[in-house]
Amino acid sequence: MPEHLQTQAGAFGAHALLVGDPQRADLLAAELLDEPELVTDTRGLRGWAGTFAGTRVGIQTTGMGGASAAIAIEELIQLGVRRLVRLGTCGSIAPDVAPGDLLCAAAAIPADGTSRTYVGDEPHAPLADFEVVHAAVHDAKKAGVRMRVGLVATTDAFYDPGAGRAARWAARGALAVDMETAPLLTIAPLRGASAGSFLVATNRVAQPSTRLGADAQREAVLRLAPIALGALVSEPKVP
């Protein structure tokens, strides 16, 4: 049994959705899983299991930041999970990404210590699993949900003191910045698993007045969640 996610092997099946906030885990389990059951709550990292579209899936809290997320990712894989998808929030750094927009991270800039630790500080370009991205794009179009696909940056510091860093990421094509995508897209392939990341832009970076209210965040998460879960359990699609 893993040290932190104290539950039995197979409890989540082979698929897990990762969220930072335990209240978001509770919301998604209640709204989208059939027969949800709480299977772990150690250190407040609540994890639910149930079925979605006939497949057993988990919804696991990771906490905030790459170091915490890495523990959850490693232990989920120890428990038998083979596909992991993040559903989180981010700050917009691209002029055409507004609060409330939905994003699929095709790749990440690993500007965080966790990702660098895993690759020994070597240059690295974390990529999402193509099948996860393909399935999400297909399902979003079918459902009429607007979702941007592109590059995000991942950092350790929510209150980032680095002057001009976000602007430099944006100049290289990044749409937004979060704290967990790069570690997920780095660790999963190292452990023989696949991964993807889906994000709601909740504000423009360094502009607190643009932050979505709680109700708007909830609505945006619930718009994106069926797409993320559908990609999580998807089979390869015919082009």
C-alpha atoms as a PDB file:
ATOM      1  CA  MET A   1       0.000   0.000   0.000  1.00  0.00           C
ATOM      2  CA  PRO A   2       1.476   3.415  -0.928  1.00  0.00           C
ATOM      3  CA  GLU A   3       2.554   5.653   1.918  1.00  0.00           C
ATOM      4  CA  HIS A   4       0.269   8.587   1.100  1.00  0.00           C
ATOM      5  CA  LEU A   5      -2.657   7.292  -1.001  1.00  0.00           C
ATOM      6  CA  GLN A   6      -3.485   4.563   1.456  1.00  0.00           C
ATOM      7  CA  THR A   7      -5.758   2.281  -0.530  1.00  0.00           C
ATOM      8  CA  GLN A   8      -5.557  -1.092  -2.215  1.00  0.00           C
ATOM      9  CA  ALA A   9      -4.067  -1.854  -5.636  1.00  0.00           C
ATOM     10  CA  GLY A  10      -6.735  -1.632  -8.316  1.00  0.00           C
ATOM     11  CA  ALA A  11      -8.962   0.698  -6.288  1.00  0.00           C
ATOM     12  CA  PHE A  12      -9.015   3.272  -9.106  1.00  0.00           C
ATOM     13  CA  GLY A  13      -8.873   0.883 -12.037  1.00  0.00           C
ATOM     14  CA  ALA A  14      -6.500   1.907 -14.833  1.00  0.00           C
ATOM     15  CA  HIS A  15      -7.720   5.513 -15.259  1.00  0.00           C
ATOM     16  CA  ALA A  16      -7.465   8.514 -12.931  1.00  0.00           C
ATOM     17  CA  LEU A  17      -8.486  12.165 -13.173  1.00  0.00           C
ATOM     18  CA  LEU A  18      -6.234  14.469 -11.126  1.00  0.00           C
ATOM     19  CA  VAL A  19      -7.472  17.649  -9.452  1.00  0.00           C
ATOM     20  CA  GLY A  20      -5.682  19.960  -7.057  1.00  0.00           C
ATOM     21  CA  ASP A  21      -8.638  20.804  -4.822  1.00  0.00           C
ATOM     22  CA  PRO A  22     -10.402  18.148  -2.710  1.00  0.00           C
ATOM     23  CA  GLN A  23     -13.677  20.062  -3.049  1.00  0.00           C
ATOM     24  CA  ARG A  24     -13.366  19.775  -6.836  1.00  0.00           C
ATOM     25  CA  ALA A  25     -12.831  16.028  -6.442  1.00  0.00           C
ATOM     26  CA  ASP A  26     -16.029  15.845  -4.390  1.00  0.00           C
ATOM     27  CA  LEU A  27     -17.958  17.892  -6.958  1.00  0.00           C
ATOM     28  CA  LEU A  28     -16.861  15.839  -9.958  1.00  0.00           C
ATOM     29  CA  ALA A  29     -17.416  12.526  -8.214  1.00  0.00           C
ATOM     30  CA  ALA A  30     -20.945  13.544  -7.266  1.00  0.00           C
ATOM     31  CA  GLU A  31     -21.827  15.043 -10.655  1.00  0.00           C
ATOM     32  CA  LEU A  32     -20.165  12.642 -13.109  1.00  0.00           C
ATOM     33  CA  LEU A  33     -19.406   9.252 -11.571  1.00  0.00           C
ATOM     34  CA  ASP A  34     -21.847   6.399 -11.183  1.00  0.00           C
ATOM     35  CA  GLU A  35     -21.768   4.838  -7.708  1.00  0.00           C
ATOM     36  CA  PRO A  36     -18.880   6.956  -6.397  1.00  0.00           C
ATOM     37  CA  GLU A  37     -17.038   5.713  -3.318  1.00  0.00           C
ATOM     38  CA  LEU A  38     -14.372   7.428  -1.264  1.00  0.00           C
ATOM     39  CA  VAL A  39     -11.310   5.174  -1.371  1.00  0.00           C
ATOM     40  CA  THR A  40      -8.652   7.380   0.267  1.00  0.00           C
ATOM     41  CA  ASP A  41      -8.507  10.569   2.333  1.00  0.00           C
ATOM     42  CA  THR A  42      -5.004  10.518   3.803  1.00  0.00           C
ATOM     43  CA  ARG A  43      -3.643  14.025   4.450  1.00  0.00           C
ATOM     44  CA  GLY A  44      -6.794  15.458   2.886  1.00  0.00           C
ATOM     45  CA  LEU A  45      -5.878  14.063  -0.544  1.00  0.00           C
ATOM     46  CA  ARG A  46      -9.345  12.718  -1.178  1.00  0.00           C
ATOM     47  CA  GLY A  47      -9.690  10.075  -3.846  1.00  0.00           C
ATOM     48  CA  TRP A  48     -12.939   8.765  -5.292  1.00  0.00           C
ATOM     49  CA  ALA A  49     -13.630   5.789  -7.522  1.00  0.00           C
ATOM     50  CA  GLY A  50     -16.678   4.987  -9.608  1.00  0.00           C
ATOM     51  CA  THR A  51     -17.636   4.450 -13.211  1.00  0.00           C
ATOM     52  CA  PHE A  52     -17.817   6.835 -16.162  1.00  0.00           C
ATOM     53  CA  ALA A  53     -19.134   5.636 -19.527  1.00  0.00           C
ATOM     54  CA  GLY A  54     -18.956   2.099 -18.183  1.00  0.00           C
ATOM     55  CA  THR A  55     -15.268   2.299 -17.193  1.00  0.00           C
ATOM     56  CA  ARG A  56     -13.935   2.336 -13.645  1.00  0.00           C
ATOM     57  CA  VAL A  57     -12.089   5.600 -12.993  1.00  0.00           C
ATOM     58  CA  GLY A  58     -10.619   7.456 -10.066  1.00  0.00           C
ATOM     59  CA  ILE A  59     -10.752  11.146  -9.209  1.00  0.00           C
ATOM     60  CA  GLN A  60      -7.745  11.928  -7.040  1.00  0.00           C
ATOM     61  CA  THR A  61      -6.718  15.109  -5.247  1.00  0.00           C
ATOM     62  CA  THR A  62      -3.050  16.034  -5.732  1.00  0.00           C
ATOM     63  CA  GLY A  63      -2.731  19.202  -3.676  1.00  0.00           C
ATOM     64  CA  MET A  64      -0.999  22.284  -5.043  1.00  0.00           C
ATOM     65  CA  GLY A  65       2.280  22.254  -6.963  1.00  0.00           C
ATOM     66  CA  GLY A  66       4.444  19.775  -8.770  1.00  0.00           C
ATOM     67  CA  ALA A  67       6.113  18.222  -5.732  1.00  0.00           C
ATOM     68  CA  SER A  68       2.776  17.232  -4.195  1.00  0.00           C
ATOM     69  CA  ALA A  69       1.335  16.152  -7.547  1.00  0.00           C
ATOM     70  CA  ALA A  70       4.389  13.965  -8.215  1.00  0.00           C
ATOM     71  CA  ILE A  71       3.708  11.927  -5.081  1.00  0.00           C
ATOM     72  CA  ALA A  72       0.104  11.326  -6.126  1.00  0.00           C
ATOM     73  CA  ILE A  73       1.135  10.451  -9.703  1.00  0.00           C
ATOM     74  CA  GLU A  74       3.792   7.961  -8.578  1.00  0.00           C
ATOM     75  CA  GLU A  75       1.454   6.283  -6.107  1.00  0.00           C
ATOM     76  CA  LEU A  76      -1.488   6.097  -8.506  1.00  0.00           C
ATOM     77  CA  ILE A  77       0.787   4.291 -10.949  1.00  0.00           C
ATOM     78  CA  GLN A  78       1.896   1.965  -8.137  1.00  0.00           C
ATOM     79  CA  LEU A  79      -1.807   1.216  -7.596  1.00  0.00           C
ATOM     80  CA  GLY A  80      -2.282   0.195 -11.231  1.00  0.00           C
ATOM     81  CA  VAL A  81      -3.324   3.420 -13.003  1.00  0.00           C
ATOM     82  CA  ARG A  82      -2.023   3.590 -16.568  1.00  0.00           C
ATOM     83  CA  ARG A  83      -3.647   6.779 -17.873  1.00  0.00           C
ATOM     84  CA  LEU A  84      -3.727  10.020 -15.902  1.00  0.00           C
ATOM     85  CA  VAL A  85      -5.461  13.235 -16.914  1.00  0.00           C
ATOM     86  CA  ARG A  86      -5.302  16.522 -15.033  1.00  0.00           C
ATOM     87  CA  LEU A  87      -8.315  18.814 -14.717  1.00  0.00           C
ATOM     88  CA  GLY A  88      -7.125  22.036 -13.174  1.00  0.00           C
ATOM     89  CA  THR A  89      -6.925  25.798 -13.382  1.00  0.00           C
ATOM     90  CA  CYS A  90      -4.390  28.164 -14.863  1.00  0.00           C
ATOM     91  CA  GLY A  91      -3.620  31.817 -15.408  1.00  0.00           C
ATOM     92  CA  SER A  92      -3.825  33.205 -18.934  1.00  0.00           C
ATOM     93  CA  ILE A  93      -0.690  34.779 -20.411  1.00  0.00           C
ATOM     94  CA  ALA A  94      -1.840  34.998 -24.056  1.00  0.00           C
ATOM     95  CA  PRO A  95      -3.867  38.064 -25.084  1.00  0.00           C
ATOM     96  CA  ASP A  96      -6.528  35.926 -26.770  1.00  0.00           C
ATOM     97  CA  VAL A  97      -7.093  33.585 -23.801  1.00  0.00           C
ATOM     98  CA  ALA A  98      -9.711  35.036 -21.467  1.00  0.00           C
ATOM     99  CA  PRO A  99     -10.857  33.962 -18.006  1.00  0.00           C
ATOM    100  CA  GLY A 100     -13.351  31.148 -18.476  1.00  0.00           C
ATOM    101  CA  ASP A 101     -11.652  29.740 -21.589  1.00  0.00           C
ATOM    102  CA  LEU A 102     -10.955  25.998 -21.714  1.00  0.00           C
ATOM    103  CA  LEU A 103      -7.525  24.642 -22.659  1.00  0.00           C
ATOM    104  CA  CYS A 104      -5.940  21.321 -23.571  1.00  0.00           C
ATOM    105  CA  ALA A 105      -2.185  21.281 -22.959  1.00  0.00           C
ATOM    106  CA  ALA A 106      -0.446  19.602 -25.890  1.00  0.00           C
ATOM    107  CA  ALA A 107       2.955  20.317 -24.317  1.00  0.00           C
ATOM    108  CA  ALA A 108       4.491  22.172 -21.384  1.00  0.00           C
ATOM    109  CA  ILE A 109       7.441  24.435 -20.638  1.00  0.00           C
ATOM    110  CA  PRO A 110       8.991  22.729 -17.572  1.00  0.00           C
ATOM    111  CA  ALA A 111       9.976  25.794 -15.533  1.00  0.00           C
ATOM    112  CA  ASP A 112       9.525  23.865 -12.271  1.00  0.00           C
ATOM    113  CA  GLY A 113      11.965  22.044 -10.032  1.00  0.00           C
ATOM    114  CA  THR A 114      10.082  18.741  -9.980  1.00  0.00           C
ATOM    115  CA  SER A 115      10.278  18.204 -13.736  1.00  0.00           C
ATOM    116  CA  ARG A 116      13.958  19.188 -13.806  1.00  0.00           C
ATOM    117  CA  THR A 117      14.715  16.762 -10.981  1.00  0.00           C
ATOM    118  CA  TYR A 118      13.147  13.847 -12.859  1.00  0.00           C
ATOM    119  CA  VAL A 119      15.234  14.474 -15.998  1.00  0.00           C
ATOM    120  CA  GLY A 120      18.476  15.429 -14.256  1.00  0.00           C
ATOM    121  CA  ASP A 121      18.305  19.028 -15.468  1.00  0.00           C
ATOM    122  CA  GLU A 122      18.647  17.902 -19.080  1.00  0.00           C
ATOM    123  CA  PRO A 123      16.661  19.768 -21.788  1.00  0.00           C
ATOM    124  CA  HIS A 124      13.207  18.237 -21.956  1.00  0.00           C
ATOM    125  CA  ALA A 125       9.907  18.881 -23.759  1.00  0.00           C
ATOM    126  CA  PRO A 126       6.997  17.243 -21.904  1.00  0.00           C
ATOM    127  CA  LEU A 127       4.244  16.186 -24.327  1.00  0.00           C
ATOM    128  CA  ALA A 128       0.701  15.014 -23.743  1.00  0.00           C
ATOM    129  CA  ASP A 129      -0.321  11.631 -25.118  1.00  0.00           C
ATOM    130  CA  PHE A 130      -1.616  12.188 -28.655  1.00  0.00           C
ATOM    131  CA  GLU A 131      -4.567   9.836 -28.216  1.00  0.00           C
ATOM    132  CA  VAL A 132      -5.751  11.831 -25.187  1.00  0.00           C
ATOM    133  CA  VAL A 133      -5.487  15.126 -27.089  1.00  0.00           C
ATOM    134  CA  HIS A 134      -7.096  13.667 -30.220  1.00  0.00           C
ATOM    135  CA  ALA A 135     -10.024  12.223 -28.277  1.00  0.00           C
ATOM    136  CA  ALA A 136     -10.614  15.502 -26.458  1.00  0.00           C
ATOM    137  CA  VAL A 137     -10.555  17.595 -29.632  1.00  0.00           C
ATOM    138  CA  HIS A 138     -12.956  15.152 -31.312  1.00  0.00           C
ATOM    139  CA  ASP A 139     -15.373  15.132 -28.367  1.00  0.00           C
ATOM    140  CA  ALA A 140     -15.223  18.892 -27.804  1.00  0.00           C
ATOM    141  CA  LYS A 141     -16.135  19.568 -31.430  1.00  0.00           C
ATOM    142  CA  LYS A 142     -18.955  17.035 -31.267  1.00  0.00           C
ATOM    143  CA  ALA A 143     -20.319  18.639 -28.089  1.00  0.00           C
ATOM    144  CA  GLY A 144     -19.919  22.206 -29.404  1.00  0.00           C
ATOM    145  CA  VAL A 145     -17.450  23.060 -26.624  1.00  0.00           C
ATOM    146  CA  ARG A 146     -14.749  25.612 -27.544  1.00  0.00           C
ATOM    147  CA  MET A 147     -11.380  24.372 -26.309  1.00  0.00           C
ATOM    148  CA  ARG A 148      -7.952  25.775 -27.165  1.00  0.00           C
ATOM    149  CA  VAL A 149      -5.066  23.331 -27.703  1.00  0.00           C
ATOM    150  CA  GLY A 150      -1.491  24.457 -27.213  1.00  0.00           C
ATOM    151  CA  LEU A 151       1.513  25.072 -24.988  1.00  0.00           C
ATOM    152  CA  VAL A 152       1.384  25.901 -21.276  1.00  0.00           C
ATOM    153  CA  ALA A 153       4.160  26.806 -18.852  1.00  0.00           C
ATOM    154  CA  THR A 154       4.514  25.181 -15.446  1.00  0.00           C
ATOM    155  CA  THR A 155       6.098  26.975 -12.490  1.00  0.00           C
ATOM    156  CA  ASP A 156       6.626  26.329  -8.770  1.00  0.00           C
ATOM    157  CA  ALA A 157       5.659  29.833  -7.655  1.00  0.00           C
ATOM    158  CA  PHE A 158       2.024  30.935  -7.707  1.00  0.00           C
ATOM    159  CA  TYR A 159       3.154  34.427  -6.652  1.00  0.00           C
ATOM    160  CA  ASP A 160       5.979  34.489  -9.178  1.00  0.00           C
ATOM    161  CA  PRO A 161       8.459  37.328  -8.471  1.00  0.00           C
ATOM    162  CA  GLY A 162      10.281  36.897 -11.787  1.00  0.00           C
ATOM    163  CA  ALA A 163       9.854  40.105 -13.757  1.00  0.00           C
ATOM    164  CA  GLY A 164       8.991  39.447 -17.384  1.00  0.00           C
ATOM    165  CA  ARG A 165       8.966  35.649 -17.155  1.00  0.00           C
ATOM    166  CA  ALA A 166       5.324  35.245 -18.174  1.00  0.00           C
ATOM    167  CA  ALA A 167       5.833  37.614 -21.109  1.00  0.00           C
ATOM    168  CA  ARG A 168       8.796  35.541 -22.322  1.00  0.00           C
ATOM    169  CA  TRP A 169       6.737  32.338 -22.121  1.00  0.00           C
ATOM    170  CA  ALA A 170       3.916  34.018 -24.033  1.00  0.00           C
ATOM    171  CA  ALA A 171       6.375  35.187 -26.697  1.00  0.00           C
ATOM    172  CA  ARG A 172       7.324  31.514 -27.205  1.00  0.00           C
ATOM    173  CA  GLY A 173       3.693  30.588 -27.765  1.00  0.00           C
ATOM    174  CA  ALA A 174       2.504  29.609 -24.292  1.00  0.00           C
ATOM    175  CA  LEU A 175      -1.174  30.219 -23.647  1.00  0.00           C
ATOM    176  CA  ALA A 176      -1.216  29.976 -19.860  1.00  0.00           C
ATOM    177  CA  VAL A 177       0.726  29.009 -16.747  1.00  0.00           C
ATOM    178  CA  ASP A 178      -0.068  26.381 -14.101  1.00  0.00           C
ATOM    179  CA  MET A 179       1.800  24.398 -11.420  1.00  0.00           C
ATOM    180  CA  GLU A 180       1.288  20.706 -12.237  1.00  0.00           C
ATOM    181  CA  THR A 181       1.124  19.968 -15.979  1.00  0.00           C
ATOM    182  CA  ALA A 182       4.856  19.577 -16.699  1.00  0.00           C
ATOM    183  CA  PRO A 183       5.500  17.091 -13.855  1.00  0.00           C
ATOM    184  CA  LEU A 184       2.536  14.988 -14.965  1.00  0.00           C
ATOM    185  CA  LEU A 185       3.634  14.921 -18.610  1.00  0.00           C
ATOM    186  CA  THR A 186       7.202  14.125 -17.504  1.00  0.00           C
ATOM    187  CA  ILE A 187       6.573  11.393 -14.917  1.00  0.00           C
ATOM    188  CA  ALA A 188       3.841   9.436 -16.719  1.00  0.00           C
ATOM    189  CA  PRO A 189       5.950   8.272 -19.708  1.00  0.00           C
ATOM    190  CA  LEU A 190       8.913   7.563 -17.422  1.00  0.00           C
ATOM    191  CA  ARG A 191       6.653   5.091 -15.598  1.00  0.00           C
ATOM    192  CA  GLY A 192       5.048   3.573 -18.689  1.00  0.00           C
ATOM    193  CA  ALA A 193       1.791   5.514 -18.368  1.00  0.00           C
ATOM    194  CA  SER A 194       0.071   8.069 -20.610  1.00  0.00           C
ATOM    195  CA  ALA A 195      -1.166  11.506 -19.607  1.00  0.00           C
ATOM    196  CA  GLY A 196      -2.974  14.661 -20.618  1.00  0.00           C
ATOM    197  CA  SER A 197      -3.888  17.977 -19.031  1.00  0.00           C
ATOM    198  CA  PHE A 198      -7.038  20.101 -19.301  1.00  0.00           C
ATOM    199  CA  LEU A 199      -7.271  23.555 -17.764  1.00  0.00           C
ATOM    200  CA  VAL A 200      -9.736  26.338 -17.060  1.00  0.00           C
ATOM    201  CA  ALA A 201      -8.260  29.846 -17.319  1.00  0.00           C
ATOM    202  CA  THR A 202      -9.436  31.548 -14.130  1.00  0.00           C
ATOM    203  CA  ASN A 203      -7.650  34.895 -14.493  1.00  0.00           C
ATOM    204  CA  ARG A 204      -5.057  36.851 -16.418  1.00  0.00           C
ATOM    205  CA  VAL A 205      -1.656  36.547 -14.757  1.00  0.00           C
ATOM    206  CA  ALA A 206      -0.828  39.506 -12.480  1.00  0.00           C
ATOM    207  CA  GLN A 207      -4.363  40.883 -12.867  1.00  0.00           C
ATOM    208  CA  PRO A 208      -6.281  39.764  -9.747  1.00  0.00           C
ATOM    209  CA  SER A 209      -9.358  41.758 -10.742  1.00  0.00           C
ATOM    210  CA  THR A 210      -9.937  39.405 -13.685  1.00  0.00           C
ATOM    211  CA  ARG A 211     -10.340  36.294 -11.514  1.00  0.00           C
ATOM    212  CA  LEU A 212     -13.550  34.329 -12.076  1.00  0.00           C
ATOM    213  CA  GLY A 213     -15.940  34.070  -9.182  1.00  0.00           C
ATOM    214  CA  ALA A 214     -16.643  30.726  -7.537  1.00  0.00           C
ATOM    215  CA  ASP A 215     -19.852  30.089  -9.499  1.00  0.00           C
ATOM    216  CA  ALA A 216     -18.219  30.880 -12.845  1.00  0.00           C
ATOM    217  CA  GLN A 217     -15.264  28.617 -12.014  1.00  0.00           C
ATOM    218  CA  ARG A 218     -17.627  25.799 -11.091  1.00  0.00           C
ATOM    219  CA  GLU A 219     -19.572  26.193 -14.336  1.00  0.00           C
ATOM    220  CA  ALA A 220     -16.390  26.189 -16.432  1.00  0.00           C
ATOM    221  CA  VAL A 221     -15.019  23.098 -14.651  1.00  0.00           C
ATOM    222  CA  LEU A 222     -18.281  21.251 -15.246  1.00  0.00           C
ATOM    223  CA  ARG A 223     -18.169  22.198 -18.961  1.00  0.00           C
ATOM    224  CA  LEU A 224     -14.655  20.835 -19.299  1.00  0.00           C
ATOM    225  CA  ALA A 225     -14.981  17.766 -17.055  1.00  0.00           C
ATOM    226  CA  PRO A 226     -16.960  15.528 -19.465  1.00  0.00           C
ATOM    227  CA  ILE A 227     -14.376  16.236 -22.181  1.00  0.00           C
ATOM    228  CA  ALA A 228     -11.492  15.402 -19.831  1.00  0.00           C
ATOM    229  CA  LEU A 229     -13.160  12.242 -18.553  1.00  0.00           C
ATOM    230  CA  GLY A 230     -14.116  11.192 -22.066  1.00  0.00           C
ATOM    231  CA  ALA A 231     -10.475  11.556 -23.154  1.00  0.00           C
ATOM    232  CA  LEU A 232      -9.361   9.663 -20.059  1.00  0.00           C
ATOM    233  CA  VAL A 233     -11.361   6.548 -20.954  1.00  0.00           C
ATOM    234  CA  SER A 234     -11.162   6.901 -24.744  1.00  0.00           C
ATOM    235  CA  GLU A 235     -10.065   4.298 -27.234  1.00  0.00           C
ATOM    236  CA  PRO A 236      -8.046   5.328 -30.319  1.00  0.00           C
ATOM    237  CA  LYS A 237     -10.266   7.180 -32.785  1.00  0.00           C
ATOM    238  CA  VAL A 238     -10.325   6.740 -36.536  1.00  0.00           C
ATOM    239  CA  PRO A 239      -9.127   9.980 -38.199  1.00  0.00           C
END
